[in-house]
């Protein structure tokens, strides 16, 4: 009985801590031509269901016509999500010009 409880606790902890961070990339025009990066956090509530402050990638790119947009949940974003129990769920947007 104790073995089953230990295995179940291990499985629950593993499923929480070993989840992967998601990311998606958008290429505008020919994509990034240089390695100039602009980074900004996006702010969501309730596991991402309610956006509070979302970055504008077009504004972050400025006058560049060719750029790459990467939006992901970093380790720090995920850690904050865990500590707030999913109430606050940030992501990071990186625009590379």
PDB file of N, CA and C in Angstrom:
ATOM      1  N   UNK A   1       0.824  -1.194   0.000  1.00  0.00           N
ATOM      2  CA  UNK A   1       0.000   0.000   0.000  1.00  0.00           C
ATOM      3  C   UNK A   1       0.867   1.256   0.000  1.00  0.00           C
ATOM      4  N   UNK A   2       1.942   1.245   0.810  1.00  0.00           N
ATOM      5  CA  UNK A   2       2.824   2.403   0.872  1.00  0.00           C
ATOM      6  C   UNK A   2       3.559   2.601  -0.445  1.00  0.00           C
ATOM      7  N   UNK A   3       3.894   1.478  -1.121  1.00  0.00           N
ATOM      8  CA  UNK A   3       4.561   1.571  -2.418  1.00  0.00           C
ATOM      9  C   UNK A   3       3.662   2.248  -3.449  1.00  0.00           C
ATOM     10  N   UNK A   4       2.398   1.882  -3.466  1.00  0.00           N
ATOM     11  CA  UNK A   4       1.455   2.485  -4.410  1.00  0.00           C
ATOM     12  C   UNK A   4       1.296   3.985  -4.159  1.00  0.00           C
ATOM     13  N   UNK A   5       1.264   4.382  -2.902  1.00  0.00           N
ATOM     14  CA  UNK A   5       1.146   5.795  -2.559  1.00  0.00           C
ATOM     15  C   UNK A   5       2.389   6.560  -2.999  1.00  0.00           C
ATOM     16  N   UNK A   6       3.566   5.981  -2.799  1.00  0.00           N
ATOM     17  CA  UNK A   6       4.804   6.626  -3.228  1.00  0.00           C
ATOM     18  C   UNK A   6       4.838   6.783  -4.750  1.00  0.00           C
ATOM     19  N   UNK A   7       4.413   5.755  -5.446  1.00  0.00           N
ATOM     20  CA  UNK A   7       4.391   5.819  -6.912  1.00  0.00           C
ATOM     21  C   UNK A   7       3.403   6.880  -7.380  1.00  0.00           C
ATOM     22  N   UNK A   8       2.251   6.935  -6.762  1.00  0.00           N
ATOM     23  CA  UNK A   8       1.246   7.922  -7.149  1.00  0.00           C
ATOM     24  C   UNK A   8       1.742   9.347  -6.870  1.00  0.00           C
ATOM     25  N   UNK A   9       2.366   9.564  -5.740  1.00  0.00           N
ATOM     26  CA  UNK A   9       2.914  10.887  -5.424  1.00  0.00           C
ATOM     27  C   UNK A   9       4.008  11.257  -6.422  1.00  0.00           C
ATOM     28  N   UNK A  10       4.870  10.315  -6.758  1.00  0.00           N
ATOM     29  CA  UNK A  10       5.919  10.555  -7.735  1.00  0.00           C
ATOM     30  C   UNK A  10       5.322  10.920  -9.096  1.00  0.00           C
ATOM     31  N   UNK A  11       4.284  10.218  -9.513  1.00  0.00           N
ATOM     32  CA  UNK A  11       3.646  10.489 -10.807  1.00  0.00           C
ATOM     33  C   UNK A  11       3.016  11.879 -10.838  1.00  0.00           C
ATOM     34  N   UNK A  12       2.373  12.285  -9.765  1.00  0.00           N
ATOM     35  CA  UNK A  12       1.750  13.607  -9.709  1.00  0.00           C
ATOM     36  C   UNK A  12       2.815  14.699  -9.751  1.00  0.00           C
ATOM     37  N   UNK A  13       3.856  14.556  -8.970  1.00  0.00           N
ATOM     38  CA  UNK A  13       4.931  15.546  -8.959  1.00  0.00           C
ATOM     39  C   UNK A  13       5.623  15.601 -10.319  1.00  0.00           C
ATOM     40  N   UNK A  14       5.848  14.461 -10.937  1.00  0.00           N
ATOM     41  CA  UNK A  14       6.475  14.421 -12.260  1.00  0.00           C
ATOM     42  C   UNK A  14       5.605  15.095 -13.312  1.00  0.00           C
ATOM     43  N   UNK A  15       4.314  14.848 -13.266  1.00  0.00           N
ATOM     44  CA  UNK A  15       3.428  15.439 -14.274  1.00  0.00           C
ATOM     45  C   UNK A  15       3.336  16.953 -14.133  1.00  0.00           C
ATOM     46  N   UNK A  16       3.532  17.465 -12.936  1.00  0.00           N
ATOM     47  CA  UNK A  16       3.500  18.917 -12.725  1.00  0.00           C
ATOM     48  C   UNK A  16       4.825  19.555 -13.122  1.00  0.00           C
ATOM     49  N   UNK A  17       5.926  18.959 -12.726  1.00  0.00           N
ATOM     50  CA  UNK A  17       7.231  19.591 -12.919  1.00  0.00           C
ATOM     51  C   UNK A  17       7.871  19.304 -14.271  1.00  0.00           C
ATOM     52  N   UNK A  18       7.485  18.266 -14.950  1.00  0.00           N
ATOM     53  CA  UNK A  18       8.132  17.903 -16.211  1.00  0.00           C
ATOM     54  C   UNK A  18       7.311  18.280 -17.443  1.00  0.00           C
ATOM     55  N   UNK A  19       6.358  19.173 -17.295  1.00  0.00           N
ATOM     56  CA  UNK A  19       5.599  19.603 -18.458  1.00  0.00           C
ATOM     57  C   UNK A  19       6.461  20.507 -19.310  1.00  0.00           C
ATOM     58  N   UNK A  20       6.226  20.493 -20.603  1.00  0.00           N
ATOM     59  CA  UNK A  20       7.046  21.301 -21.502  1.00  0.00           C
ATOM     60  C   UNK A  20       6.472  22.705 -21.639  1.00  0.00           C
ATOM     61  N   UNK A  21       7.337  23.629 -21.966  1.00  0.00           N
ATOM     62  CA  UNK A  21       6.916  25.003 -22.212  1.00  0.00           C
ATOM     63  C   UNK A  21       6.531  25.115 -23.694  1.00  0.00           C
ATOM     64  N   UNK A  22       5.456  25.801 -23.955  1.00  0.00           N
ATOM     65  CA  UNK A  22       5.017  25.903 -25.342  1.00  0.00           C
ATOM     66  C   UNK A  22       5.623  27.133 -25.995  1.00  0.00           C
ATOM     67  N   UNK A  23       5.740  27.098 -27.316  1.00  0.00           N
ATOM     68  CA  UNK A  23       6.222  28.251 -28.060  1.00  0.00           C
ATOM     69  C   UNK A  23       5.659  28.187 -29.476  1.00  0.00           C
ATOM     70  N   UNK A  24       5.521  29.343 -30.085  1.00  0.00           N
ATOM     71  CA  UNK A  24       5.163  29.388 -31.494  1.00  0.00           C
ATOM     72  C   UNK A  24       5.869  30.554 -32.157  1.00  0.00           C
ATOM     73  N   UNK A  25       6.194  30.349 -33.438  1.00  0.00           N
ATOM     74  CA  UNK A  25       6.994  31.299 -34.190  1.00  0.00           C
ATOM     75  C   UNK A  25       6.217  31.755 -35.415  1.00  0.00           C
ATOM     76  N   UNK A  26       6.285  33.055 -35.697  1.00  0.00           N
ATOM     77  CA  UNK A  26       5.697  33.633 -36.901  1.00  0.00           C
ATOM     78  C   UNK A  26       6.795  34.366 -37.652  1.00  0.00           C
ATOM     79  N   UNK A  27       6.856  34.152 -38.945  1.00  0.00           N
ATOM     80  CA  UNK A  27       7.840  34.822 -39.783  1.00  0.00           C
ATOM     81  C   UNK A  27       7.113  35.839 -40.645  1.00  0.00           C
ATOM     82  N   UNK A  28       7.562  37.097 -40.587  1.00  0.00           N
ATOM     83  CA  UNK A  28       6.959  38.168 -41.368  1.00  0.00           C
ATOM     84  C   UNK A  28       7.960  38.572 -42.441  1.00  0.00           C
ATOM     85  N   UNK A  29       7.505  38.635 -43.683  1.00  0.00           N
ATOM     86  CA  UNK A  29       8.405  38.957 -44.792  1.00  0.00           C
ATOM     87  C   UNK A  29       9.411  37.845 -44.977  1.00  0.00           C
ATOM     88  N   UNK A  30      10.686  38.202 -45.019  1.00  0.00           N
ATOM     89  CA  UNK A  30      11.762  37.227 -45.197  1.00  0.00           C
ATOM     90  C   UNK A  30      12.311  36.725 -43.864  1.00  0.00           C
ATOM     91  N   UNK A  31      11.719  37.156 -42.784  1.00  0.00           N
ATOM     92  CA  UNK A  31      12.203  36.753 -41.469  1.00  0.00           C
ATOM     93  C   UNK A  31      13.293  37.689 -40.981  1.00  0.00           C
ATOM     94  N   UNK A  32      13.851  37.370 -39.845  1.00  0.00           N
ATOM     95  CA  UNK A  32      14.871  38.223 -39.225  1.00  0.00           C
ATOM     96  C   UNK A  32      16.102  38.319 -40.120  1.00  0.00           C
ATOM     97  N   UNK A  33      16.560  39.538 -40.357  1.00  0.00           N
ATOM     98  CA  UNK A  33      17.752  39.778 -41.171  1.00  0.00           C
ATOM     99  C   UNK A  33      18.983  40.027 -40.306  1.00  0.00           C
ATOM    100  N   UNK A  34      18.790  40.491 -39.096  1.00  0.00           N
ATOM    101  CA  UNK A  34      19.876  40.750 -38.145  1.00  0.00           C
ATOM    102  C   UNK A  34      19.539  40.036 -36.843  1.00  0.00           C
ATOM    103  N   UNK A  35      20.324  40.288 -35.832  1.00  0.00           N
ATOM    104  CA  UNK A  35      20.078  39.645 -34.543  1.00  0.00           C
ATOM    105  C   UNK A  35      19.667  40.674 -33.487  1.00  0.00           C
ATOM    106  N   UNK A  36      18.901  41.676 -33.883  1.00  0.00           N
ATOM    107  CA  UNK A  36      18.407  42.690 -32.960  1.00  0.00           C
ATOM    108  C   UNK A  36      17.103  42.174 -32.366  1.00  0.00           C
ATOM    109  N   UNK A  37      17.054  42.045 -31.041  1.00  0.00           N
ATOM    110  CA  UNK A  37      15.878  41.479 -30.394  1.00  0.00           C
ATOM    111  C   UNK A  37      15.208  42.479 -29.464  1.00  0.00           C
ATOM    112  N   UNK A  38      13.869  42.444 -29.473  1.00  0.00           N
ATOM    113  CA  UNK A  38      13.060  43.227 -28.544  1.00  0.00           C
ATOM    114  C   UNK A  38      12.194  42.221 -27.796  1.00  0.00           C
ATOM    115  N   UNK A  39      12.201  42.277 -26.463  1.00  0.00           N
ATOM    116  CA  UNK A  39      11.479  41.309 -25.638  1.00  0.00           C
ATOM    117  C   UNK A  39      10.442  42.023 -24.785  1.00  0.00           C
ATOM    118  N   UNK A  40       9.273  41.399 -24.665  1.00  0.00           N
ATOM    119  CA  UNK A  40       8.211  41.960 -23.833  1.00  0.00           C
ATOM    120  C   UNK A  40       7.357  40.819 -23.279  1.00  0.00           C
ATOM    121  N   UNK A  41       6.884  41.003 -22.057  1.00  0.00           N
ATOM    122  CA  UNK A  41       6.013  40.010 -21.425  1.00  0.00           C
ATOM    123  C   UNK A  41       4.559  40.274 -21.786  1.00  0.00           C
ATOM    124  N   UNK A  42       3.794  39.189 -21.891  1.00  0.00           N
ATOM    125  CA  UNK A  42       2.345  39.240 -22.074  1.00  0.00           C
ATOM    126  C   UNK A  42       1.716  38.791 -20.753  1.00  0.00           C
ATOM    127  N   UNK A  43       0.630  39.426 -20.371  1.00  0.00           N
ATOM    128  CA  UNK A  43       0.019  39.147 -19.076  1.00  0.00           C
ATOM    129  C   UNK A  43      -1.391  38.580 -19.260  1.00  0.00           C
ATOM    130  N   UNK A  44      -1.617  37.407 -18.679  1.00  0.00           N
ATOM    131  CA  UNK A  44      -2.907  36.721 -18.749  1.00  0.00           C
ATOM    132  C   UNK A  44      -3.348  36.308 -17.347  1.00  0.00           C
ATOM    133  N   UNK A  45      -4.640  36.143 -17.184  1.00  0.00           N
ATOM    134  CA  UNK A  45      -5.191  35.639 -15.934  1.00  0.00           C
ATOM    135  C   UNK A  45      -5.901  34.324 -16.194  1.00  0.00           C
ATOM    136  N   UNK A  46      -6.028  33.512 -15.167  1.00  0.00           N
ATOM    137  CA  UNK A  46      -6.784  32.255 -15.193  1.00  0.00           C
ATOM    138  C   UNK A  46      -6.315  31.322 -16.309  1.00  0.00           C
ATOM    139  N   UNK A  47      -5.046  30.921 -16.203  1.00  0.00           N
ATOM    140  CA  UNK A  47      -4.434  29.978 -17.148  1.00  0.00           C
ATOM    141  C   UNK A  47      -4.472  30.473 -18.594  1.00  0.00           C
ATOM    142  N   UNK A  48      -4.412  31.767 -18.783  1.00  0.00           N
ATOM    143  CA  UNK A  48      -4.358  32.334 -20.121  1.00  0.00           C
ATOM    144  C   UNK A  48      -5.704  32.633 -20.745  1.00  0.00           C
ATOM    145  N   UNK A  49      -6.777  32.479 -19.998  1.00  0.00           N
ATOM    146  CA  UNK A  49      -8.112  32.696 -20.556  1.00  0.00           C
ATOM    147  C   UNK A  49      -8.488  34.173 -20.669  1.00  0.00           C
ATOM    148  N   UNK A  50      -7.950  35.009 -19.808  1.00  0.00           N
ATOM    149  CA  UNK A  50      -8.306  36.427 -19.800  1.00  0.00           C
ATOM    150  C   UNK A  50      -7.048  37.271 -20.026  1.00  0.00           C
ATOM    151  N   UNK A  51      -6.860  37.820 -21.237  1.00  0.00           N
ATOM    152  CA  UNK A  51      -5.688  38.659 -21.478  1.00  0.00           C
ATOM    153  C   UNK A  51      -5.813  40.006 -20.767  1.00  0.00           C
ATOM    154  N   UNK A  52      -4.744  40.414 -20.106  1.00  0.00           N
ATOM    155  CA  UNK A  52      -4.716  41.690 -19.397  1.00  0.00           C
ATOM    156  C   UNK A  52      -3.850  42.683 -20.170  1.00  0.00           C
ATOM    157  N   UNK A  53      -2.694  42.264 -20.605  1.00  0.00           N
ATOM    158  CA  UNK A  53      -1.786  43.107 -21.374  1.00  0.00           C
ATOM    159  C   UNK A  53      -0.998  42.252 -22.343  1.00  0.00           C
ATOM    160  N   UNK A  54      -1.298  42.394 -23.630  1.00  0.00           N
ATOM    161  CA  UNK A  54      -0.651  41.580 -24.651  1.00  0.00           C
ATOM    162  C   UNK A  54       0.192  42.485 -25.543  1.00  0.00           C
ATOM    163  N   UNK A  55       1.415  42.073 -25.822  1.00  0.00           N
ATOM    164  CA  UNK A  55       2.320  42.892 -26.629  1.00  0.00           C
ATOM    165  C   UNK A  55       1.883  42.916 -28.088  1.00  0.00           C
ATOM    166  N   UNK A  56       2.221  44.005 -28.771  1.00  0.00           N
ATOM    167  CA  UNK A  56       1.927  44.169 -30.196  1.00  0.00           C
ATOM    168  C   UNK A  56       3.229  43.965 -30.963  1.00  0.00           C
ATOM    169  N   UNK A  57       3.352  42.833 -31.644  1.00  0.00           N
ATOM    170  CA  UNK A  57       4.607  42.501 -32.318  1.00  0.00           C
ATOM    171  C   UNK A  57       4.927  43.484 -33.441  1.00  0.00           C
ATOM    172  N   UNK A  58       3.924  44.020 -34.093  1.00  0.00           N
ATOM    173  CA  UNK A  58       4.158  44.995 -35.158  1.00  0.00           C
ATOM    174  C   UNK A  58       4.783  46.265 -34.591  1.00  0.00           C
ATOM    175  N   UNK A  59       4.312  46.694 -33.436  1.00  0.00           N
ATOM    176  CA  UNK A  59       4.869  47.867 -32.772  1.00  0.00           C
ATOM    177  C   UNK A  59       6.286  47.562 -32.263  1.00  0.00           C
ATOM    178  N   UNK A  60       6.505  46.341 -31.765  1.00  0.00           N
ATOM    179  CA  UNK A  60       7.825  45.960 -31.284  1.00  0.00           C
ATOM    180  C   UNK A  60       8.842  45.920 -32.423  1.00  0.00           C
ATOM    181  N   UNK A  61       8.384  45.579 -33.627  1.00  0.00           N
ATOM    182  CA  UNK A  61       9.276  45.507 -34.786  1.00  0.00           C
ATOM    183  C   UNK A  61       9.629  46.890 -35.316  1.00  0.00           C
ATOM    184  N   UNK A  62       8.831  47.888 -34.971  1.00  0.00           N
ATOM    185  CA  UNK A  62       9.102  49.245 -35.441  1.00  0.00           C
ATOM    186  C   UNK A  62       8.886  49.352 -36.936  1.00  0.00           C
ATOM    187  N   UNK A  63       9.868  49.903 -37.650  1.00  0.00           N
ATOM    188  CA  UNK A  63       9.726  50.094 -39.094  1.00  0.00           C
ATOM    189  C   UNK A  63      10.286  48.927 -39.907  1.00  0.00           C
ATOM    190  N   UNK A  64      10.693  47.851 -39.248  1.00  0.00           N
ATOM    191  CA  UNK A  64      11.240  46.688 -39.956  1.00  0.00           C
ATOM    192  C   UNK A  64      10.144  45.973 -40.737  1.00  0.00           C
ATOM    193  N   UNK A  65      10.473  45.595 -41.978  1.00  0.00           N
ATOM    194  CA  UNK A  65       9.518  44.863 -42.818  1.00  0.00           C
ATOM    195  C   UNK A  65       9.720  43.358 -42.723  1.00  0.00           C
ATOM    196  N   UNK A  66      10.901  42.944 -42.329  1.00  0.00           N
ATOM    197  CA  UNK A  66      11.226  41.524 -42.207  1.00  0.00           C
ATOM    198  C   UNK A  66      11.633  41.240 -40.765  1.00  0.00           C
ATOM    199  N   UNK A  67      10.866  40.379 -40.105  1.00  0.00           N
ATOM    200  CA  UNK A  67      11.175  40.045 -38.716  1.00  0.00           C
ATOM    201  C   UNK A  67      10.541  38.718 -38.347  1.00  0.00           C
ATOM    202  N   UNK A  68      10.996  38.164 -37.228  1.00  0.00           N
ATOM    203  CA  UNK A  68      10.490  36.898 -36.711  1.00  0.00           C
ATOM    204  C   UNK A  68       9.943  37.127 -35.311  1.00  0.00           C
ATOM    205  N   UNK A  69       8.757  36.579 -35.049  1.00  0.00           N
ATOM    206  CA  UNK A  69       8.115  36.731 -33.750  1.00  0.00           C
ATOM    207  C   UNK A  69       8.077  35.359 -33.071  1.00  0.00           C
ATOM    208  N   UNK A  70       8.624  35.284 -31.876  1.00  0.00           N
ATOM    209  CA  UNK A  70       8.610  34.060 -31.079  1.00  0.00           C
ATOM    210  C   UNK A  70       7.869  34.356 -29.785  1.00  0.00           C
ATOM    211  N   UNK A  71       6.787  33.640 -29.556  1.00  0.00           N
ATOM    212  CA  UNK A  71       6.042  33.770 -28.303  1.00  0.00           C
ATOM    213  C   UNK A  71       6.147  32.439 -27.579  1.00  0.00           C
ATOM    214  N   UNK A  72       6.601  32.499 -26.325  1.00  0.00           N
ATOM    215  CA  UNK A  72       6.819  31.256 -25.584  1.00  0.00           C
ATOM    216  C   UNK A  72       6.588  31.473 -24.103  1.00  0.00           C
ATOM    217  N   UNK A  73       6.458  30.359 -23.417  1.00  0.00           N
ATOM    218  CA  UNK A  73       6.394  30.397 -21.968  1.00  0.00           C
ATOM    219  C   UNK A  73       7.763  29.949 -21.477  1.00  0.00           C
ATOM    220  N   UNK A  74       8.508  30.873 -20.908  1.00  0.00           N
ATOM    221  CA  UNK A  74       9.842  30.560 -20.420  1.00  0.00           C
ATOM    222  C   UNK A  74       9.755  29.850 -19.072  1.00  0.00           C
ATOM    223  N   UNK A  75      10.895  29.400 -18.592  1.00  0.00           N
ATOM    224  CA  UNK A  75      10.929  28.744 -17.285  1.00  0.00           C
ATOM    225  C   UNK A  75      10.427  29.689 -16.200  1.00  0.00           C
ATOM    226  N   UNK A  76      10.870  30.940 -16.251  1.00  0.00           N
ATOM    227  CA  UNK A  76      10.439  31.927 -15.262  1.00  0.00           C
ATOM    228  C   UNK A  76       8.930  32.171 -15.348  1.00  0.00           C
ATOM    229  N   UNK A  77       8.396  32.259 -16.570  1.00  0.00           N
ATOM    230  CA  UNK A  77       6.950  32.411 -16.740  1.00  0.00           C
ATOM    231  C   UNK A  77       6.203  31.239 -16.125  1.00  0.00           C
ATOM    232  N   UNK A  78       6.686  30.032 -16.377  1.00  0.00           N
ATOM    233  CA  UNK A  78       6.054  28.839 -15.824  1.00  0.00           C
ATOM    234  C   UNK A  78       6.148  28.769 -14.312  1.00  0.00           C
ATOM    235  N   UNK A  79       7.282  29.200 -13.782  1.00  0.00           N
ATOM    236  CA  UNK A  79       7.466  29.212 -12.335  1.00  0.00           C
ATOM    237  C   UNK A  79       6.483  30.175 -11.671  1.00  0.00           C
ATOM    238  N   UNK A  80       6.315  31.346 -12.251  1.00  0.00           N
ATOM    239  CA  UNK A  80       5.345  32.313 -11.727  1.00  0.00           C
ATOM    240  C   UNK A  80       3.933  31.747 -11.826  1.00  0.00           C
ATOM    241  N   UNK A  81       3.636  31.068 -12.921  1.00  0.00           N
ATOM    242  CA  UNK A  81       2.329  30.433 -13.102  1.00  0.00           C
ATOM    243  C   UNK A  81       2.069  29.412 -11.991  1.00  0.00           C
ATOM    244  N   UNK A  82       3.080  28.625 -11.656  1.00  0.00           N
ATOM    245  CA  UNK A  82       2.929  27.618 -10.605  1.00  0.00           C
ATOM    246  C   UNK A  82       2.712  28.280  -9.249  1.00  0.00           C
ATOM    247  N   UNK A  83       3.524  29.304  -8.928  1.00  0.00           N
ATOM    248  CA  UNK A  83       3.404  29.965  -7.626  1.00  0.00           C
ATOM    249  C   UNK A  83       2.067  30.670  -7.436  1.00  0.00           C
ATOM    250  N   UNK A  84       1.472  31.154  -8.526  1.00  0.00           N
ATOM    251  CA  UNK A  84       0.175  31.834  -8.409  1.00  0.00           C
ATOM    252  C   UNK A  84      -0.987  30.874  -8.656  1.00  0.00           C
ATOM    253  N   UNK A  85      -0.684  29.585  -8.782  1.00  0.00           N
ATOM    254  CA  UNK A  85      -1.690  28.541  -9.000  1.00  0.00           C
ATOM    255  C   UNK A  85      -2.518  28.798 -10.254  1.00  0.00           C
ATOM    256  N   UNK A  86      -1.892  29.367 -11.281  1.00  0.00           N
ATOM    257  CA  UNK A  86      -2.563  29.582 -12.562  1.00  0.00           C
ATOM    258  C   UNK A  86      -3.407  30.838 -12.634  1.00  0.00           C
ATOM    259  N   UNK A  87      -3.446  31.597 -11.561  1.00  0.00           N
ATOM    260  CA  UNK A  87      -4.237  32.833 -11.595  1.00  0.00           C
ATOM    261  C   UNK A  87      -3.562  33.844 -12.518  1.00  0.00           C
ATOM    262  N   UNK A  88      -2.236  33.973 -12.428  1.00  0.00           N
ATOM    263  CA  UNK A  88      -1.475  34.847 -13.309  1.00  0.00           C
ATOM    264  C   UNK A  88      -0.577  33.984 -14.185  1.00  0.00           C
ATOM    265  N   UNK A  89      -0.731  34.101 -15.503  1.00  0.00           N
ATOM    266  CA  UNK A  89      -0.005  33.263 -16.440  1.00  0.00           C
ATOM    267  C   UNK A  89       0.691  34.129 -17.482  1.00  0.00           C
ATOM    268  N   UNK A  90       1.954  34.495 -17.278  1.00  0.00           N
ATOM    269  CA  UNK A  90       2.637  35.318 -18.261  1.00  0.00           C
ATOM    270  C   UNK A  90       3.276  34.488 -19.371  1.00  0.00           C
ATOM    271  N   UNK A  91       3.512  35.120 -20.514  1.00  0.00           N
ATOM    272  CA  UNK A  91       4.308  34.553 -21.596  1.00  0.00           C
ATOM    273  C   UNK A  91       5.279  35.644 -22.047  1.00  0.00           C
ATOM    274  N   UNK A  92       6.229  35.279 -22.877  1.00  0.00           N
ATOM    275  CA  UNK A  92       7.230  36.222 -23.368  1.00  0.00           C
ATOM    276  C   UNK A  92       7.182  36.252 -24.893  1.00  0.00           C
ATOM    277  N   UNK A  93       7.191  37.457 -25.460  1.00  0.00           N
ATOM    278  CA  UNK A  93       7.279  37.637 -26.909  1.00  0.00           C
ATOM    279  C   UNK A  93       8.629  38.233 -27.245  1.00  0.00           C
ATOM    280  N   UNK A  94       9.319  37.612 -28.208  1.00  0.00           N
ATOM    281  CA  UNK A  94      10.620  38.095 -28.656  1.00  0.00           C
ATOM    282  C   UNK A  94      10.513  38.383 -30.150  1.00  0.00           C
ATOM    283  N   UNK A  95      10.762  39.625 -30.531  1.00  0.00           N
ATOM    284  CA  UNK A  95      10.777  40.006 -31.945  1.00  0.00           C
ATOM    285  C   UNK A  95      12.232  40.179 -32.347  1.00  0.00           C
ATOM    286  N   UNK A  96      12.649  39.422 -33.352  1.00  0.00           N
ATOM    287  CA  UNK A  96      14.012  39.513 -33.878  1.00  0.00           C
ATOM    288  C   UNK A  96      13.931  40.181 -35.239  1.00  0.00           C
ATOM    289  N   UNK A  97      14.654  41.310 -35.361  1.00  0.00           N
ATOM    290  CA  UNK A  97      14.627  42.073 -36.628  1.00  0.00           C
ATOM    291  C   UNK A  97      15.831  41.733 -37.477  1.00  0.00           C
TER     292      UNK A  97
END
